[in-house]
Amino acid sequence: MAYYAIAPILCALVQNELYMHLYINQVYAGQSTNQLVVITSSQPQGFGITVINDWPITDGANTVGRAQGLHFQSGQTSQKWYTSMNLIFEDTRFSGSSLQVMGTIPQDGEWSIIGGTGEFVAAQGIVEHNVIQEAGGAWTYELKIHAFYTPMQSSGPSSRLPPPPAVSCERRWNHAGLLCTAAPVRTSEVFRVAPEAPAAGKRVDAGREGELNKRGRRRVLPPAEGNVMHKRRRQKESLSPPPLNCDG
């Protein structure tokens, strides 16, 4: 049994649009710093310095999440810090959900939203950020988040994986013997059986060789065609997929 399932999207993809207005508090000096330098550098502009950050995210008065990740100095001639981090939400509405962002940290700029989890599965968008306050070894960033994401029925990873489709083994016969291939088939289709050498003097129905008749008995092939598997007759039921209903 396959451990995965792949299905085409037959209807228009449903997405939600997200707007958020939040703040990040970065404290880079003093007793209450919320980041740690893990790699130092003696290069000009501090090129190569790497810092781990755990910055609180607020809506103004309340902490609603954490900005956890790293940033390092990637500019040799100017202060330009590259960052990659998760915006992890802790409030009741989006608890456990996250947005993955990456970009650079000049005072004003943009970060790309490259993914999300929980409520924000497969998120894509942009985060506009700018420094609105700088004092005492701390910066306050204003964030304007605009993203699109695909809602899921559940944020649990196991529930997102659809059950594998029902697969039957369709038997086919050739000159070398039995060839069995796993392929989805309709249960209403007639099951093929192996051709057998006919008994002497028996007559066959040339239109239904190799199938079971209504009484469950196997039909036999004429001697001249004993090694040939004829195509069976399809059911009257159309095998084309049913019309799509994209209205839910």
Protein backbone atom coordinates (compact mmCIF):
# COMPACT_ATOMS: atom_id res chain seq x y z
CA MET A 1 0.00 0.00 0.00
CA ALA A 2 1.41 3.41 -0.99
CA TYR A 3 2.35 5.78 1.84
CA TYR A 4 1.27 8.85 -0.13
CA ALA A 5 -1.64 10.11 -2.24
CA ILE A 6 -1.55 12.69 -5.05
CA ALA A 7 -4.68 14.23 -6.54
CA PRO A 8 -5.14 17.00 -9.12
CA ILE A 9 -6.87 20.22 -8.11
CA LEU A 10 -10.05 20.14 -10.18
CA CYS A 11 -11.63 23.29 -8.74
CA ALA A 12 -10.34 26.81 -8.21
CA LEU A 13 -7.93 26.97 -5.25
CA VAL A 14 -9.57 28.61 -2.24
CA GLN A 15 -7.35 31.09 -0.39
CA ASN A 16 -7.77 33.51 2.48
CA GLU A 17 -6.26 36.99 2.50
CA LEU A 18 -4.55 38.09 5.71
CA TYR A 19 -3.83 41.57 7.05
CA MET A 20 -2.02 42.19 10.34
CA HIS A 21 -0.64 45.29 12.05
CA LEU A 22 1.89 44.29 14.72
CA TYR A 23 5.12 45.36 16.43
CA ILE A 24 8.46 43.67 17.20
CA ASN A 25 10.61 44.74 20.15
CA GLN A 26 14.34 44.12 19.62
CA VAL A 27 16.61 44.67 22.62
CA TYR A 28 20.24 44.35 21.51
CA ALA A 29 22.00 45.83 24.57
CA GLY A 30 21.53 45.98 28.32
CA GLN A 31 20.34 43.51 30.95
CA SER A 32 17.09 42.53 29.20
CA THR A 33 18.54 41.72 25.78
CA ASN A 34 16.48 39.25 23.74
CA GLN A 35 19.18 38.16 21.31
CA LEU A 36 22.58 36.48 21.55
CA VAL A 37 25.71 36.85 19.43
CA VAL A 38 26.97 33.33 18.61
CA ILE A 39 29.66 34.22 16.03
CA THR A 40 31.83 37.32 16.26
CA SER A 41 33.93 38.94 13.53
CA SER A 42 36.88 41.28 13.21
CA GLN A 43 36.02 42.16 9.60
CA PRO A 44 34.99 45.68 8.52
CA GLN A 45 31.34 46.42 9.34
CA GLY A 46 31.33 43.26 11.47
CA PHE A 47 30.89 41.15 8.36
CA GLY A 48 29.87 37.60 9.36
CA ILE A 49 28.53 38.33 12.85
CA THR A 50 25.70 35.89 13.58
CA VAL A 51 22.97 36.52 16.13
CA ILE A 52 20.13 34.33 17.44
CA ASN A 53 16.97 36.28 18.25
CA ASP A 54 13.79 35.70 20.24
CA TRP A 55 11.90 38.96 19.91
CA PRO A 56 8.39 39.47 21.33
CA ILE A 57 5.60 40.35 18.90
CA THR A 58 2.88 42.63 20.24
CA ASP A 59 -0.33 44.21 19.02
CA GLY A 60 0.56 47.32 21.00
CA ALA A 61 -0.36 46.36 24.55
CA ASN A 62 -0.37 42.54 24.47
CA THR A 63 2.24 39.99 23.46
CA VAL A 64 0.75 37.79 20.73
CA GLY A 65 3.81 35.84 19.58
CA ARG A 66 7.57 35.55 19.15
CA ALA A 67 9.94 36.28 16.27
CA GLN A 68 12.46 33.44 16.57
CA GLY A 69 15.35 32.86 14.21
CA LEU A 70 18.70 34.35 13.32
CA HIS A 71 20.22 37.33 11.58
CA PHE A 72 23.78 37.94 10.45
CA GLN A 73 25.74 40.80 8.99
CA SER A 74 25.96 40.17 5.25
CA GLY A 75 27.26 43.55 4.11
CA GLN A 76 30.98 44.33 3.77
CA THR A 77 30.55 48.04 3.08
CA SER A 78 27.33 48.79 4.98
CA GLN A 79 25.16 47.51 7.81
CA LYS A 80 22.78 45.12 6.10
CA TRP A 81 21.61 42.19 8.16
CA TYR A 82 20.10 39.11 6.54
CA THR A 83 17.39 37.42 8.62
CA SER A 84 15.45 34.17 8.51
CA MET A 85 12.89 33.59 11.25
CA ASN A 86 9.49 32.28 12.24
CA LEU A 87 6.74 34.55 13.45
CA ILE A 88 5.14 32.15 15.93
CA PHE A 89 1.74 33.17 17.28
CA GLU A 90 0.73 32.46 20.87
CA ASP A 91 -2.61 34.23 21.19
CA THR A 92 -5.85 32.26 21.40
CA ARG A 93 -6.99 32.85 17.81
CA PHE A 94 -3.79 31.75 16.03
CA SER A 95 -2.07 29.70 18.74
CA GLY A 96 0.54 27.38 17.25
CA SER A 97 0.37 28.93 13.78
CA SER A 98 3.39 30.57 12.22
CA LEU A 99 4.68 32.56 9.26
CA GLN A 100 8.15 31.97 7.84
CA VAL A 101 9.85 35.18 6.73
CA MET A 102 13.21 36.10 5.28
CA GLY A 103 14.93 39.25 4.05
CA THR A 104 17.27 41.99 5.20
CA ILE A 105 17.06 44.40 8.11
CA PRO A 106 17.76 47.94 7.16
CA GLN A 107 15.71 50.37 9.21
CA ASP A 108 12.92 50.32 6.63
CA GLY A 109 12.24 47.55 4.18
CA GLU A 110 10.34 44.36 3.38
CA TRP A 111 10.53 40.68 4.26
CA SER A 112 9.20 37.91 2.07
CA ILE A 113 6.68 35.46 3.53
CA ILE A 114 7.78 32.10 2.14
CA GLY A 115 5.53 29.71 4.05
CA GLY A 116 3.33 29.08 7.04
CA THR A 117 1.92 26.43 9.35
CA GLY A 118 -1.30 25.83 11.26
CA GLU A 119 -3.89 28.37 10.21
CA PHE A 120 -1.47 29.88 7.67
CA VAL A 121 -0.59 26.80 5.61
CA ALA A 122 1.28 27.57 2.36
CA ALA A 123 1.31 31.33 3.10
CA GLN A 124 2.89 33.74 0.65
CA GLY A 125 3.13 37.48 0.90
CA ILE A 126 5.09 40.41 2.22
CA VAL A 127 5.90 42.09 5.54
CA GLU A 128 6.57 45.81 5.43
CA HIS A 129 8.67 46.88 8.41
CA ASN A 130 10.08 50.14 9.65
CA VAL A 131 11.71 51.34 12.86
CA ILE A 132 9.38 53.66 14.74
CA GLN A 133 11.41 53.98 17.96
CA GLU A 134 15.08 53.66 18.92
CA ALA A 135 16.25 54.26 22.46
CA GLY A 136 18.43 52.64 25.14
CA GLY A 137 19.77 49.78 23.03
CA ALA A 138 16.33 48.80 21.76
CA TRP A 139 14.45 49.15 18.49
CA THR A 140 10.71 48.89 17.92
CA TYR A 141 9.63 47.73 14.48
CA GLU A 142 6.19 48.32 13.03
CA LEU A 143 5.00 45.39 10.89
CA LYS A 144 2.34 45.48 8.19
CA ILE A 145 1.65 41.93 7.09
CA HIS A 146 -0.20 41.11 3.86
CA ALA A 147 -0.42 37.45 2.87
CA PHE A 148 -2.49 34.78 1.15
CA TYR A 149 -2.78 31.27 2.56
CA THR A 150 -4.66 28.03 1.90
CA PRO A 151 -7.05 27.05 4.72
CA MET A 152 -7.02 23.43 5.80
CA GLN A 153 -9.64 21.44 7.70
CA SER A 154 -7.17 20.81 10.50
CA SER A 155 -3.73 22.01 11.52
CA GLY A 156 -2.69 18.46 12.49
CA PRO A 157 -0.19 17.03 9.98
CA SER A 158 -1.66 13.54 10.09
CA SER A 159 -5.15 14.74 9.22
CA ARG A 160 -3.92 16.59 6.13
CA LEU A 161 -2.73 13.42 4.42
CA PRO A 162 -5.70 11.97 2.51
CA PRO A 163 -6.28 8.23 2.74
CA PRO A 164 -4.71 6.27 -0.12
CA PRO A 165 -7.09 5.46 -2.98
CA ALA A 166 -8.56 1.99 -3.30
CA VAL A 167 -6.35 0.01 -5.64
CA SER A 168 -7.23 -3.30 -7.27
CA CYS A 169 -4.94 -5.70 -9.08
CA GLU A 170 -6.03 -6.04 -12.69
CA ARG A 171 -4.91 -9.40 -14.09
CA ARG A 172 -3.65 -9.67 -17.63
CA TRP A 173 -2.33 -12.72 -19.42
CA ASN A 174 0.26 -12.97 -22.14
CA HIS A 175 2.32 -15.67 -23.79
CA ALA A 176 4.79 -15.72 -20.89
CA GLY A 177 2.16 -16.16 -18.20
CA LEU A 178 0.50 -13.86 -15.66
CA LEU A 179 1.32 -10.16 -15.63
CA CYS A 180 -0.22 -8.40 -12.61
CA THR A 181 -0.15 -4.60 -12.43
CA ALA A 182 -1.56 -2.44 -9.61
CA ALA A 183 -3.94 0.04 -11.19
CA PRO A 184 -7.19 1.62 -9.93
CA VAL A 185 -10.16 -0.10 -11.59
CA ARG A 186 -13.88 0.23 -11.12
CA THR A 187 -15.45 -2.53 -9.07
CA SER A 188 -18.24 -2.70 -11.67
CA GLU A 189 -15.81 -3.73 -14.40
CA VAL A 190 -15.72 -7.38 -15.43
CA PHE A 191 -12.72 -9.23 -13.99
CA ARG A 192 -10.53 -10.86 -16.62
CA VAL A 193 -9.63 -14.52 -16.37
CA ALA A 194 -7.01 -16.66 -18.02
CA PRO A 195 -7.72 -18.27 -21.36
CA GLU A 196 -7.76 -22.03 -21.23
CA ALA A 197 -7.38 -24.63 -23.92
CA PRO A 198 -10.88 -25.50 -25.15
CA ALA A 199 -12.35 -28.91 -24.85
CA ALA A 200 -12.77 -30.75 -28.12
CA GLY A 201 -16.01 -29.99 -29.91
CA LYS A 202 -17.01 -27.02 -27.72
CA ARG A 203 -18.31 -23.80 -29.24
CA VAL A 204 -17.61 -20.35 -27.84
CA ASP A 205 -19.12 -16.90 -28.01
CA ALA A 206 -16.50 -14.92 -29.95
CA GLY A 207 -17.64 -11.62 -28.44
CA ARG A 208 -16.99 -12.53 -24.79
CA GLU A 209 -13.85 -14.70 -24.68
CA GLY A 210 -11.94 -14.73 -21.40
CA GLU A 211 -14.85 -13.52 -19.19
CA LEU A 212 -17.22 -15.11 -16.74
CA ASN A 213 -20.74 -15.66 -17.99
CA LYS A 214 -23.88 -14.87 -16.01
CA ARG A 215 -23.82 -18.30 -14.35
CA GLY A 216 -20.25 -17.80 -13.15
CA ARG A 217 -18.79 -20.29 -15.62
CA ARG A 218 -15.64 -19.60 -17.57
CA ARG A 219 -15.89 -19.33 -21.34
CA VAL A 220 -13.20 -20.99 -23.40
CA LEU A 221 -11.31 -19.91 -26.48
CA PRO A 222 -11.24 -21.71 -29.85
CA PRO A 223 -8.07 -23.73 -30.54
CA ALA A 224 -6.73 -21.23 -33.07
CA GLU A 225 -6.83 -18.43 -30.50
CA GLY A 226 -5.70 -20.26 -27.39
CA ASN A 227 -2.72 -17.92 -26.73
CA VAL A 228 -4.43 -14.61 -27.44
CA MET A 229 -6.16 -12.43 -24.84
CA HIS A 230 -9.02 -10.55 -26.45
CA LYS A 231 -10.18 -7.22 -25.22
CA ARG A 232 -13.18 -7.51 -23.02
CA ARG A 233 -16.33 -5.58 -23.58
CA ARG A 234 -16.70 -2.53 -21.32
CA GLN A 235 -19.74 -1.98 -19.17
CA LYS A 236 -22.45 0.31 -20.47
CA GLU A 237 -21.64 2.64 -17.57
CA SER A 238 -19.49 5.53 -18.77
CA LEU A 239 -16.00 5.55 -17.27
CA SER A 240 -15.64 9.31 -17.71
CA PRO A 241 -15.41 11.29 -14.42
CA PRO A 242 -18.61 12.88 -13.10
CA PRO A 243 -19.17 16.59 -13.74
CA LEU A 244 -17.32 18.81 -11.30
CA ASN A 245 -19.12 20.81 -8.66
CA CYS A 246 -16.84 23.62 -7.57
CA ASP A 247 -19.48 25.39 -5.51
CA GLY A 248 -18.78 23.16 -2.51
